[in-house]
Amino acid sequence: MMYPMPHFITVGSGAALGAGARYLLTVAFGGGLIPLLILNIVGSALMGYARPGPFWGTGFLGGFTSFAGFAFYTAHTHWSIALAYVTATLVGCTAAYLAGDKLR
């Protein structure tokens, strides 16, 4: 008899793959504020469109997007850039999620 994979392994393996994908794309795009913003917006749109389960949602897309990177960049930039980045992230990610949901 096969037993389902424990929840933490399902989510953790998805998160590891998502973080790996984020890392590779960030390196490919040169790193910094803008690539992370784009990845967070894309991840939000995918979450709204697909409404995935634990592996793809909480796991992969949770690892693919990065609140830690967002917090790091906002803490280590001039306040005006940080304010613009926070605004762009909040508006962009919320709009992307809603657009993805609407396209569903």
PDB file of N, CA and C in Angstrom:
ATOM      1  N   MET A   1       0.843  -1.176   0.000  1.00  0.00           N
ATOM      2  CA  MET A   1       0.000   0.000   0.000  1.00  0.00           C
ATOM      3  C   MET A   1       0.889   1.239   0.000  1.00  0.00           C
ATOM      4  N   MET A   2       0.587   2.178  -0.875  1.00  0.00           N
ATOM      5  CA  MET A   2       1.346   3.429  -0.929  1.00  0.00           C
ATOM      6  C   MET A   2       0.697   4.463  -0.028  1.00  0.00           C
ATOM      7  N   TYR A   3       1.526   5.170   0.700  1.00  0.00           N
ATOM      8  CA  TYR A   3       1.041   6.235   1.565  1.00  0.00           C
ATOM      9  C   TYR A   3       1.339   7.572   0.902  1.00  0.00           C
ATOM     10  N   PRO A   4       0.468   8.549   1.081  1.00  0.00           N
ATOM     11  CA  PRO A   4       0.745   9.861   0.486  1.00  0.00           C
ATOM     12  C   PRO A   4       1.983  10.489   1.128  1.00  0.00           C
ATOM     13  N   MET A   5       2.667  11.289   0.348  1.00  0.00           N
ATOM     14  CA  MET A   5       3.854  11.972   0.836  1.00  0.00           C
ATOM     15  C   MET A   5       3.450  12.953   1.937  1.00  0.00           C
ATOM     16  N   PRO A   6       4.209  13.010   3.040  1.00  0.00           N
ATOM     17  CA  PRO A   6       3.888  13.986   4.082  1.00  0.00           C
ATOM     18  C   PRO A   6       3.865  15.409   3.516  1.00  0.00           C
ATOM     19  N   HIS A   7       2.983  16.223   4.066  1.00  0.00           N
ATOM     20  CA  HIS A   7       2.764  17.584   3.572  1.00  0.00           C
ATOM     21  C   HIS A   7       4.053  18.398   3.537  1.00  0.00           C
ATOM     22  N   PHE A   8       4.875  18.296   4.560  1.00  0.00           N
ATOM     23  CA  PHE A   8       6.092  19.107   4.610  1.00  0.00           C
ATOM     24  C   PHE A   8       7.075  18.707   3.511  1.00  0.00           C
ATOM     25  N   ILE A   9       7.079  17.457   3.099  1.00  0.00           N
ATOM     26  CA  ILE A   9       7.958  17.028   2.006  1.00  0.00           C
ATOM     27  C   ILE A   9       7.414  17.537   0.675  1.00  0.00           C
ATOM     28  N   THR A  10       6.111  17.493   0.515  1.00  0.00           N
ATOM     29  CA  THR A  10       5.485  18.000  -0.706  1.00  0.00           C
ATOM     30  C   THR A  10       5.782  19.485  -0.883  1.00  0.00           C
ATOM     31  N   VAL A  11       5.516  20.263   0.143  1.00  0.00           N
ATOM     32  CA  VAL A  11       5.731  21.713   0.078  1.00  0.00           C
ATOM     33  C   VAL A  11       7.228  22.026  -0.009  1.00  0.00           C
ATOM     34  N   GLY A  12       8.025  21.360   0.787  1.00  0.00           N
ATOM     35  CA  GLY A  12       9.467  21.619   0.801  1.00  0.00           C
ATOM     36  C   GLY A  12      10.145  21.302  -0.517  1.00  0.00           C
ATOM     37  N   SER A  13       9.759  20.211  -1.158  1.00  0.00           N
ATOM     38  CA  SER A  13      10.371  19.883  -2.445  1.00  0.00           C
ATOM     39  C   SER A  13       9.938  20.881  -3.518  1.00  0.00           C
ATOM     40  N   GLY A  14       8.689  21.316  -3.485  1.00  0.00           N
ATOM     41  CA  GLY A  14       8.244  22.359  -4.414  1.00  0.00           C
ATOM     42  C   GLY A  14       8.982  23.658  -4.183  1.00  0.00           C
ATOM     43  N   ALA A  15       9.170  24.031  -2.910  1.00  0.00           N
ATOM     44  CA  ALA A  15       9.872  25.275  -2.575  1.00  0.00           C
ATOM     45  C   ALA A  15      11.320  25.227  -3.043  1.00  0.00           C
ATOM     46  N   ALA A  16      11.968  24.089  -2.891  1.00  0.00           N
ATOM     47  CA  ALA A  16      13.356  23.960  -3.342  1.00  0.00           C
ATOM     48  C   ALA A  16      13.449  24.153  -4.855  1.00  0.00           C
ATOM     49  N   LEU A  17      12.531  23.560  -5.595  1.00  0.00           N
ATOM     50  CA  LEU A  17      12.533  23.727  -7.049  1.00  0.00           C
ATOM     51  C   LEU A  17      12.211  25.164  -7.450  1.00  0.00           C
ATOM     52  N   GLY A  18      11.254  25.775  -6.772  1.00  0.00           N
ATOM     53  CA  GLY A  18      10.896  27.168  -7.067  1.00  0.00           C
ATOM     54  C   GLY A  18      12.034  28.125  -6.777  1.00  0.00           C
ATOM     55  N   ALA A  19      12.709  27.922  -5.652  1.00  0.00           N
ATOM     56  CA  ALA A  19      13.846  28.783  -5.305  1.00  0.00           C
ATOM     57  C   ALA A  19      14.984  28.597  -6.302  1.00  0.00           C
ATOM     58  N   GLY A  20      15.187  27.369  -6.746  1.00  0.00           N
ATOM     59  CA  GLY A  20      16.208  27.116  -7.760  1.00  0.00           C
ATOM     60  C   GLY A  20      15.882  27.821  -9.070  1.00  0.00           C
ATOM     61  N   ALA A  21      14.617  27.760  -9.477  1.00  0.00           N
ATOM     62  CA  ALA A  21      14.191  28.447 -10.699  1.00  0.00           C
ATOM     63  C   ALA A  21      14.360  29.955 -10.545  1.00  0.00           C
ATOM     64  N   ARG A  22      13.993  30.505  -9.391  1.00  0.00           N
ATOM     65  CA  ARG A  22      14.164  31.938  -9.149  1.00  0.00           C
ATOM     66  C   ARG A  22      15.631  32.328  -9.231  1.00  0.00           C
ATOM     67  N   TYR A  23      16.476  31.538  -8.619  1.00  0.00           N
ATOM     68  CA  TYR A  23      17.909  31.829  -8.635  1.00  0.00           C
ATOM     69  C   TYR A  23      18.449  31.852 -10.074  1.00  0.00           C
ATOM     70  N   LEU A  24      18.118  30.823 -10.848  1.00  0.00           N
ATOM     71  CA  LEU A  24      18.611  30.750 -12.230  1.00  0.00           C
ATOM     72  C   LEU A  24      18.111  31.919 -13.068  1.00  0.00           C
ATOM     73  N   LEU A  25      16.840  32.277 -12.922  1.00  0.00           N
ATOM     74  CA  LEU A  25      16.296  33.402 -13.679  1.00  0.00           C
ATOM     75  C   LEU A  25      16.883  34.734 -13.210  1.00  0.00           C
ATOM     76  N   THR A  26      17.103  34.868 -11.911  1.00  0.00           N
ATOM     77  CA  THR A  26      17.705  36.095 -11.383  1.00  0.00           C
ATOM     78  C   THR A  26      19.120  36.271 -11.920  1.00  0.00           C
ATOM     79  N   VAL A  27      19.892  35.203 -11.941  1.00  0.00           N
ATOM     80  CA  VAL A  27      21.248  35.266 -12.489  1.00  0.00           C
ATOM     81  C   VAL A  27      21.192  35.589 -13.988  1.00  0.00           C
ATOM     82  N   ALA A  28      20.266  34.955 -14.705  1.00  0.00           N
ATOM     83  CA  ALA A  28      20.144  35.191 -16.151  1.00  0.00           C
ATOM     84  C   ALA A  28      19.781  36.639 -16.458  1.00  0.00           C
ATOM     85  N   PHE A  29      18.968  37.255 -15.598  1.00  0.00           N
ATOM     86  CA  PHE A  29      18.541  38.636 -15.822  1.00  0.00           C
ATOM     87  C   PHE A  29      19.434  39.663 -15.138  1.00  0.00           C
ATOM     88  N   GLY A  30      20.490  39.224 -14.473  1.00  0.00           N
ATOM     89  CA  GLY A  30      21.453  40.152 -13.887  1.00  0.00           C
ATOM     90  C   GLY A  30      21.195  40.553 -12.445  1.00  0.00           C
ATOM     91  N   GLY A  31      20.165  40.030 -11.816  1.00  0.00           N
ATOM     92  CA  GLY A  31      19.887  40.338 -10.416  1.00  0.00           C
ATOM     93  C   GLY A  31      19.406  41.762 -10.204  1.00  0.00           C
ATOM     94  N   GLY A  32      19.071  42.069  -8.976  1.00  0.00           N
ATOM     95  CA  GLY A  32      18.643  43.414  -8.620  1.00  0.00           C
ATOM     96  C   GLY A  32      17.146  43.558  -8.438  1.00  0.00           C
ATOM     97  N   LEU A  33      16.738  44.800  -8.318  1.00  0.00           N
ATOM     98  CA  LEU A  33      15.341  45.128  -8.006  1.00  0.00           C
ATOM     99  C   LEU A  33      14.358  44.715  -9.094  1.00  0.00           C
ATOM    100  N   ILE A  34      14.651  45.052 -10.327  1.00  0.00           N
ATOM    101  CA  ILE A  34      13.683  44.851 -11.403  1.00  0.00           C
ATOM    102  C   ILE A  34      13.436  43.370 -11.695  1.00  0.00           C
ATOM    103  N   PRO A  35      14.473  42.526 -11.844  1.00  0.00           N
ATOM    104  CA  PRO A  35      14.193  41.102 -12.065  1.00  0.00           C
ATOM    105  C   PRO A  35      13.373  40.474 -10.932  1.00  0.00           C
ATOM    106  N   LEU A  36      13.667  40.850  -9.685  1.00  0.00           N
ATOM    107  CA  LEU A  36      12.896  40.293  -8.573  1.00  0.00           C
ATOM    108  C   LEU A  36      11.449  40.771  -8.624  1.00  0.00           C
ATOM    109  N   LEU A  37      11.238  42.017  -8.956  1.00  0.00           N
ATOM    110  CA  LEU A  37       9.874  42.536  -9.092  1.00  0.00           C
ATOM    111  C   LEU A  37       9.119  41.767 -10.170  1.00  0.00           C
ATOM    112  N   ILE A  38       9.760  41.542 -11.308  1.00  0.00           N
ATOM    113  CA  ILE A  38       9.118  40.807 -12.404  1.00  0.00           C
ATOM    114  C   ILE A  38       8.784  39.382 -11.970  1.00  0.00           C
ATOM    115  N   LEU A  39       9.720  38.695 -11.311  1.00  0.00           N
ATOM    116  CA  LEU A  39       9.472  37.332 -10.852  1.00  0.00           C
ATOM    117  C   LEU A  39       8.326  37.285  -9.841  1.00  0.00           C
ATOM    118  N   ASN A  40       8.281  38.256  -8.938  1.00  0.00           N
ATOM    119  CA  ASN A  40       7.189  38.288  -7.959  1.00  0.00           C
ATOM    120  C   ASN A  40       5.842  38.540  -8.640  1.00  0.00           C
ATOM    121  N   ILE A  41       5.818  39.388  -9.648  1.00  0.00           N
ATOM    122  CA  ILE A  41       4.578  39.661 -10.372  1.00  0.00           C
ATOM    123  C   ILE A  41       4.149  38.433 -11.172  1.00  0.00           C
ATOM    124  N   VAL A  42       5.083  37.774 -11.840  1.00  0.00           N
ATOM    125  CA  VAL A  42       4.765  36.552 -12.594  1.00  0.00           C
ATOM    126  C   VAL A  42       4.244  35.468 -11.652  1.00  0.00           C
ATOM    127  N   GLY A  43       4.903  35.298 -10.511  1.00  0.00           N
ATOM    128  CA  GLY A  43       4.448  34.302  -9.535  1.00  0.00           C
ATOM    129  C   GLY A  43       3.053  34.601  -9.022  1.00  0.00           C
ATOM    130  N   SER A  44       2.750  35.865  -8.792  1.00  0.00           N
ATOM    131  CA  SER A  44       1.414  36.262  -8.337  1.00  0.00           C
ATOM    132  C   SER A  44       0.365  35.981  -9.399  1.00  0.00           C
ATOM    133  N   ALA A  45       0.697  36.276 -10.662  1.00  0.00           N
ATOM    134  CA  ALA A  45      -0.238  36.006 -11.748  1.00  0.00           C
ATOM    135  C   ALA A  45      -0.506  34.509 -11.882  1.00  0.00           C
ATOM    136  N   LEU A  46       0.539  33.706 -11.779  1.00  0.00           N
ATOM    137  CA  LEU A  46       0.360  32.254 -11.863  1.00  0.00           C
ATOM    138  C   LEU A  46      -0.481  31.726 -10.707  1.00  0.00           C
ATOM    139  N   MET A  47      -0.277  32.289  -9.532  1.00  0.00           N
ATOM    140  CA  MET A  47      -1.063  31.871  -8.371  1.00  0.00           C
ATOM    141  C   MET A  47      -2.537  32.204  -8.582  1.00  0.00           C
ATOM    142  N   GLY A  48      -2.827  33.388  -9.103  1.00  0.00           N
ATOM    143  CA  GLY A  48      -4.207  33.774  -9.359  1.00  0.00           C
ATOM    144  C   GLY A  48      -4.846  32.946 -10.452  1.00  0.00           C
ATOM    145  N   TYR A  49      -4.082  32.637 -11.490  1.00  0.00           N
ATOM    146  CA  TYR A  49      -4.624  31.892 -12.623  1.00  0.00           C
ATOM    147  C   TYR A  49      -4.831  30.415 -12.285  1.00  0.00           C
ATOM    148  N   ALA A  50      -3.816  29.792 -11.726  1.00  0.00           N
ATOM    149  CA  ALA A  50      -3.852  28.344 -11.534  1.00  0.00           C
ATOM    150  C   ALA A  50      -4.447  27.906 -10.194  1.00  0.00           C
ATOM    151  N   ARG A  51      -4.372  28.776  -9.199  1.00  0.00           N
ATOM    152  CA  ARG A  51      -4.780  28.393  -7.836  1.00  0.00           C
ATOM    153  C   ARG A  51      -4.282  26.989  -7.481  1.00  0.00           C
ATOM    154  N   PRO A  52      -2.960  26.837  -7.547  1.00  0.00           N
ATOM    155  CA  PRO A  52      -2.381  25.502  -7.383  1.00  0.00           C
ATOM    156  C   PRO A  52      -2.435  24.992  -5.949  1.00  0.00           C
ATOM    157  N   GLY A  53      -2.213  23.712  -5.817  1.00  0.00           N
ATOM    158  CA  GLY A  53      -2.212  23.043  -4.519  1.00  0.00           C
ATOM    159  C   GLY A  53      -0.891  23.219  -3.789  1.00  0.00           C
ATOM    160  N   PRO A  54      -0.643  22.394  -2.786  1.00  0.00           N
ATOM    161  CA  PRO A  54       0.528  22.562  -1.921  1.00  0.00           C
ATOM    162  C   PRO A  54       1.872  22.515  -2.646  1.00  0.00           C
ATOM    163  N   PHE A  55       2.073  21.567  -3.562  1.00  0.00           N
ATOM    164  CA  PHE A  55       3.370  21.463  -4.233  1.00  0.00           C
ATOM    165  C   PHE A  55       3.638  22.684  -5.105  1.00  0.00           C
ATOM    166  N   TRP A  56       2.707  23.014  -6.007  1.00  0.00           N
ATOM    167  CA  TRP A  56       2.911  24.113  -6.945  1.00  0.00           C
ATOM    168  C   TRP A  56       2.652  25.478  -6.324  1.00  0.00           C
ATOM    169  N   GLY A  57       1.690  25.587  -5.437  1.00  0.00           N
ATOM    170  CA  GLY A  57       1.325  26.884  -4.858  1.00  0.00           C
ATOM    171  C   GLY A  57       2.223  27.296  -3.719  1.00  0.00           C
ATOM    172  N   THR A  58       1.980  26.710  -2.567  1.00  0.00           N
ATOM    173  CA  THR A  58       2.765  27.041  -1.381  1.00  0.00           C
ATOM    174  C   THR A  58       4.233  26.700  -1.598  1.00  0.00           C
ATOM    175  N   GLY A  59       4.483  25.573  -2.265  1.00  0.00           N
ATOM    176  CA  GLY A  59       5.853  25.131  -2.488  1.00  0.00           C
ATOM    177  C   GLY A  59       6.559  25.885  -3.594  1.00  0.00           C
ATOM    178  N   PHE A  60       6.278  25.487  -4.858  1.00  0.00           N
ATOM    179  CA  PHE A  60       7.024  26.045  -5.983  1.00  0.00           C
ATOM    180  C   PHE A  60       6.879  27.558  -6.096  1.00  0.00           C
ATOM    181  N   LEU A  61       5.657  28.059  -6.146  1.00  0.00           N
ATOM    182  CA  LEU A  61       5.477  29.509  -6.305  1.00  0.00           C
ATOM    183  C   LEU A  61       5.892  30.272  -5.057  1.00  0.00           C
ATOM    184  N   GLY A  62       5.769  29.648  -3.889  1.00  0.00           N
ATOM    185  CA  GLY A  62       6.274  30.273  -2.663  1.00  0.00           C
ATOM    186  C   GLY A  62       7.783  30.412  -2.687  1.00  0.00           C
ATOM    187  N   GLY A  63       8.474  29.429  -3.256  1.00  0.00           N
ATOM    188  CA  GLY A  63       9.924  29.512  -3.405  1.00  0.00           C
ATOM    189  C   GLY A  63      10.346  30.379  -4.575  1.00  0.00           C
ATOM    190  N   PHE A  64       9.518  30.413  -5.610  1.00  0.00           N
ATOM    191  CA  PHE A  64       9.809  31.192  -6.810  1.00  0.00           C
ATOM    192  C   PHE A  64       9.751  32.689  -6.522  1.00  0.00           C
ATOM    193  N   THR A  65       8.766  33.109  -5.757  1.00  0.00           N
ATOM    194  CA  THR A  65       8.672  34.513  -5.352  1.00  0.00           C
ATOM    195  C   THR A  65       9.530  34.712  -4.111  1.00  0.00           C
ATOM    196  N   SER A  66       9.851  35.950  -3.796  1.00  0.00           N
ATOM    197  CA  SER A  66      10.753  36.164  -2.673  1.00  0.00           C
ATOM    198  C   SER A  66      10.376  37.394  -1.861  1.00  0.00           C
ATOM    199  N   PHE A  67       9.832  37.154  -0.704  1.00  0.00           N
ATOM    200  CA  PHE A  67       9.598  38.264   0.223  1.00  0.00           C
ATOM    201  C   PHE A  67      10.912  38.675   0.884  1.00  0.00           C
ATOM    202  N   ALA A  68      11.799  37.715   1.101  1.00  0.00           N
ATOM    203  CA  ALA A  68      13.083  38.034   1.729  1.00  0.00           C
ATOM    204  C   ALA A  68      13.903  38.964   0.846  1.00  0.00           C
ATOM    205  N   GLY A  69      13.931  38.690  -0.451  1.00  0.00           N
ATOM    206  CA  GLY A  69      14.643  39.579  -1.369  1.00  0.00           C
ATOM    207  C   GLY A  69      14.007  40.955  -1.417  1.00  0.00           C
ATOM    208  N   PHE A  70      12.685  40.974  -1.436  1.00  0.00           N
ATOM    209  CA  PHE A  70      11.933  42.227  -1.402  1.00  0.00           C
ATOM    210  C   PHE A  70      12.310  43.030  -0.153  1.00  0.00           C
ATOM    211  N   ALA A  71      12.326  42.385   1.006  1.00  0.00           N
ATOM    212  CA  ALA A  71      12.670  43.062   2.261  1.00  0.00           C
ATOM    213  C   ALA A  71      14.122  43.541   2.248  1.00  0.00           C
ATOM    214  N   PHE A  72      15.014  42.721   1.732  1.00  0.00           N
ATOM    215  CA  PHE A  72      16.426  43.096   1.667  1.00  0.00           C
ATOM    216  C   PHE A  72      16.617  44.351   0.817  1.00  0.00           C
ATOM    217  N   TYR A  73      16.052  44.341  -0.382  1.00  0.00           N
ATOM    218  CA  TYR A  73      16.234  45.492  -1.278  1.00  0.00           C
ATOM    219  C   TYR A  73      15.610  46.763  -0.708  1.00  0.00           C
ATOM    220  N   THR A  74      14.460  46.647  -0.089  1.00  0.00           N
ATOM    221  CA  THR A  74      13.833  47.853   0.454  1.00  0.00           C
ATOM    222  C   THR A  74      14.592  48.383   1.672  1.00  0.00           C
ATOM    223  N   ALA A  75      15.243  47.500   2.411  1.00  0.00           N
ATOM    224  CA  ALA A  75      16.001  47.939   3.585  1.00  0.00           C
ATOM    225  C   ALA A  75      17.357  48.536   3.231  1.00  0.00           C
ATOM    226  N   HIS A  76      17.853  48.228   2.040  1.00  0.00           N
ATOM    227  CA  HIS A  76      19.204  48.653   1.678  1.00  0.00           C
ATOM    228  C   HIS A  76      19.236  49.628   0.499  1.00  0.00           C
ATOM    229  N   THR A  77      18.158  50.347   0.293  1.00  0.00           N
ATOM    230  CA  THR A  77      18.139  51.361  -0.754  1.00  0.00           C
ATOM    231  C   THR A  77      17.669  52.686  -0.148  1.00  0.00           C
ATOM    232  N   HIS A  78      17.844  53.729  -0.892  1.00  0.00           N
ATOM    233  CA  HIS A  78      17.373  55.043  -0.463  1.00  0.00           C
ATOM    234  C   HIS A  78      15.871  54.964  -0.229  1.00  0.00           C
ATOM    235  N   TRP A  79      15.373  55.743   0.723  1.00  0.00           N
ATOM    236  CA  TRP A  79      13.957  55.646   1.106  1.00  0.00           C
ATOM    237  C   TRP A  79      13.023  55.900  -0.072  1.00  0.00           C
ATOM    238  N   SER A  80      13.389  56.775  -0.984  1.00  0.00           N
ATOM    239  CA  SER A  80      12.500  57.072  -2.106  1.00  0.00           C
ATOM    240  C   SER A  80      12.420  55.895  -3.079  1.00  0.00           C
ATOM    241  N   ILE A  81      13.533  55.230  -3.298  1.00  0.00           N
ATOM    242  CA  ILE A  81      13.537  54.033  -4.151  1.00  0.00           C
ATOM    243  C   ILE A  81      12.777  52.913  -3.454  1.00  0.00           C
ATOM    244  N   ALA A  82      12.985  52.763  -2.142  1.00  0.00           N
ATOM    245  CA  ALA A  82      12.279  51.736  -1.377  1.00  0.00           C
ATOM    246  C   ALA A  82      10.770  51.960  -1.426  1.00  0.00           C
ATOM    247  N   LEU A  83      10.337  53.197  -1.285  1.00  0.00           N
ATOM    248  CA  LEU A  83       8.906  53.510  -1.339  1.00  0.00           C
ATOM    249  C   LEU A  83       8.332  53.174  -2.712  1.00  0.00           C
ATOM    250  N   ALA A  84       9.039  53.539  -3.766  1.00  0.00           N
ATOM    251  CA  ALA A  84       8.581  53.217  -5.120  1.00  0.00           C
ATOM    252  C   ALA A  84       8.544  51.712  -5.334  1.00  0.00           C
ATOM    253  N   TYR A  85       9.536  51.000  -4.799  1.00  0.00           N
ATOM    254  CA  TYR A  85       9.600  49.541  -4.963  1.00  0.00           C
ATOM    255  C   TYR A  85       8.475  48.843  -4.203  1.00  0.00           C
ATOM    256  N   VAL A  86       8.213  49.293  -2.989  1.00  0.00           N
ATOM    257  CA  VAL A  86       7.108  48.727  -2.207  1.00  0.00           C
ATOM    258  C   VAL A  86       5.789  48.972  -2.934  1.00  0.00           C
ATOM    259  N   THR A  87       5.591  50.172  -3.429  1.00  0.00           N
ATOM    260  CA  THR A  87       4.356  50.495  -4.153  1.00  0.00           C
ATOM    261  C   THR A  87       4.225  49.643  -5.410  1.00  0.00           C
ATOM    262  N   ALA A  88       5.301  49.541  -6.186  1.00  0.00           N
ATOM    263  CA  ALA A  88       5.271  48.743  -7.415  1.00  0.00           C
ATOM    264  C   ALA A  88       4.997  47.273  -7.111  1.00  0.00           C
ATOM    265  N   THR A  89       5.579  46.767  -6.033  1.00  0.00           N
ATOM    266  CA  THR A  89       5.367  45.367  -5.664  1.00  0.00           C
ATOM    267  C   THR A  89       3.930  45.133  -5.217  1.00  0.00           C
ATOM    268  N   LEU A  90       3.423  45.978  -4.331  1.00  0.00           N
ATOM    269  CA  LEU A  90       2.056  45.794  -3.839  1.00  0.00           C
ATOM    270  C   LEU A  90       1.023  45.923  -4.955  1.00  0.00           C
ATOM    271  N   VAL A  91       1.154  46.970  -5.745  1.00  0.00           N
ATOM    272  CA  VAL A  91       0.206  47.190  -6.838  1.00  0.00           C
ATOM    273  C   VAL A  91       0.383  46.125  -7.922  1.00  0.00           C
ATOM    274  N   GLY A  92       1.626  45.881  -8.318  1.00  0.00           N
ATOM    275  CA  GLY A  92       1.898  44.919  -9.388  1.00  0.00           C
ATOM    276  C   GLY A  92       1.482  43.511  -9.047  1.00  0.00           C
ATOM    277  N   CYS A  93       1.825  43.040  -7.855  1.00  0.00           N
ATOM    278  CA  CYS A  93       1.496  41.666  -7.473  1.00  0.00           C
ATOM    279  C   CYS A  93      -0.005  41.486  -7.253  1.00  0.00           C
ATOM    280  N   THR A  94      -0.645  42.471  -6.650  1.00  0.00           N
ATOM    281  CA  THR A  94      -2.088  42.385  -6.445  1.00  0.00           C
ATOM    282  C   THR A  94      -2.817  42.404  -7.786  1.00  0.00           C
ATOM    283  N   ALA A  95      -2.426  43.309  -8.667  1.00  0.00           N
ATOM    284  CA  ALA A  95      -3.049  43.391  -9.995  1.00  0.00           C
ATOM    285  C   ALA A  95      -2.800  42.119 -10.796  1.00  0.00           C
ATOM    286  N   ALA A  96      -1.599  41.568 -10.697  1.00  0.00           N
ATOM    287  CA  ALA A  96      -1.274  40.339 -11.425  1.00  0.00           C
ATOM    288  C   ALA A  96      -2.101  39.164 -10.916  1.00  0.00           C
ATOM    289  N   TYR A  97      -2.247  39.056  -9.604  1.00  0.00           N
ATOM    290  CA  TYR A  97      -3.070  37.977  -9.048  1.00  0.00           C
ATOM    291  C   TYR A  97      -4.517  38.113  -9.531  1.00  0.00           C
ATOM    292  N   LEU A  98      -5.068  39.324  -9.440  1.00  0.00           N
ATOM    293  CA  LEU A  98      -6.452  39.547  -9.865  1.00  0.00           C
ATOM    294  C   LEU A  98      -6.625  39.304 -11.364  1.00  0.00           C
ATOM    295  N   ALA A  99      -5.649  39.714 -12.177  1.00  0.00           N
ATOM    296  CA  ALA A  99      -5.712  39.464 -13.617  1.00  0.00           C
ATOM    297  C   ALA A  99      -5.663  37.974 -13.910  1.00  0.00           C
ATOM    298  N   GLY A 100      -4.766  37.265 -13.223  1.00  0.00           N
ATOM    299  CA  GLY A 100      -4.700  35.818 -13.390  1.00  0.00           C
ATOM    300  C   GLY A 100      -6.003  35.145 -13.007  1.00  0.00           C
ATOM    301  N   ASP A 101      -6.590  35.587 -11.922  1.00  0.00           N
ATOM    302  CA  ASP A 101      -7.875  35.043 -11.475  1.00  0.00           C
ATOM    303  C   ASP A 101      -8.971  35.334 -12.496  1.00  0.00           C
ATOM    304  N   LYS A 102      -8.943  36.522 -13.064  1.00  0.00           N
ATOM    305  CA  LYS A 102      -9.961  36.930 -14.051  1.00  0.00           C
ATOM    306  C   LYS A 102      -9.835  36.112 -15.340  1.00  0.00           C
ATOM    307  N   LEU A 103      -8.604  35.776 -15.728  1.00  0.00           N
ATOM    308  CA  LEU A 103      -8.371  34.996 -16.935  1.00  0.00           C
ATOM    309  C   LEU A 103      -8.754  33.532 -16.784  1.00  0.00           C
ATOM    310  N   ARG A 104      -8.929  33.112 -15.600  1.00  0.00           N
ATOM    311  CA  ARG A 104      -9.227  31.726 -15.274  1.00  0.00           C
ATOM    312  C   ARG A 104     -10.488  31.285 -15.896  1.00  0.00           C
TER     313      ARG A 104
END
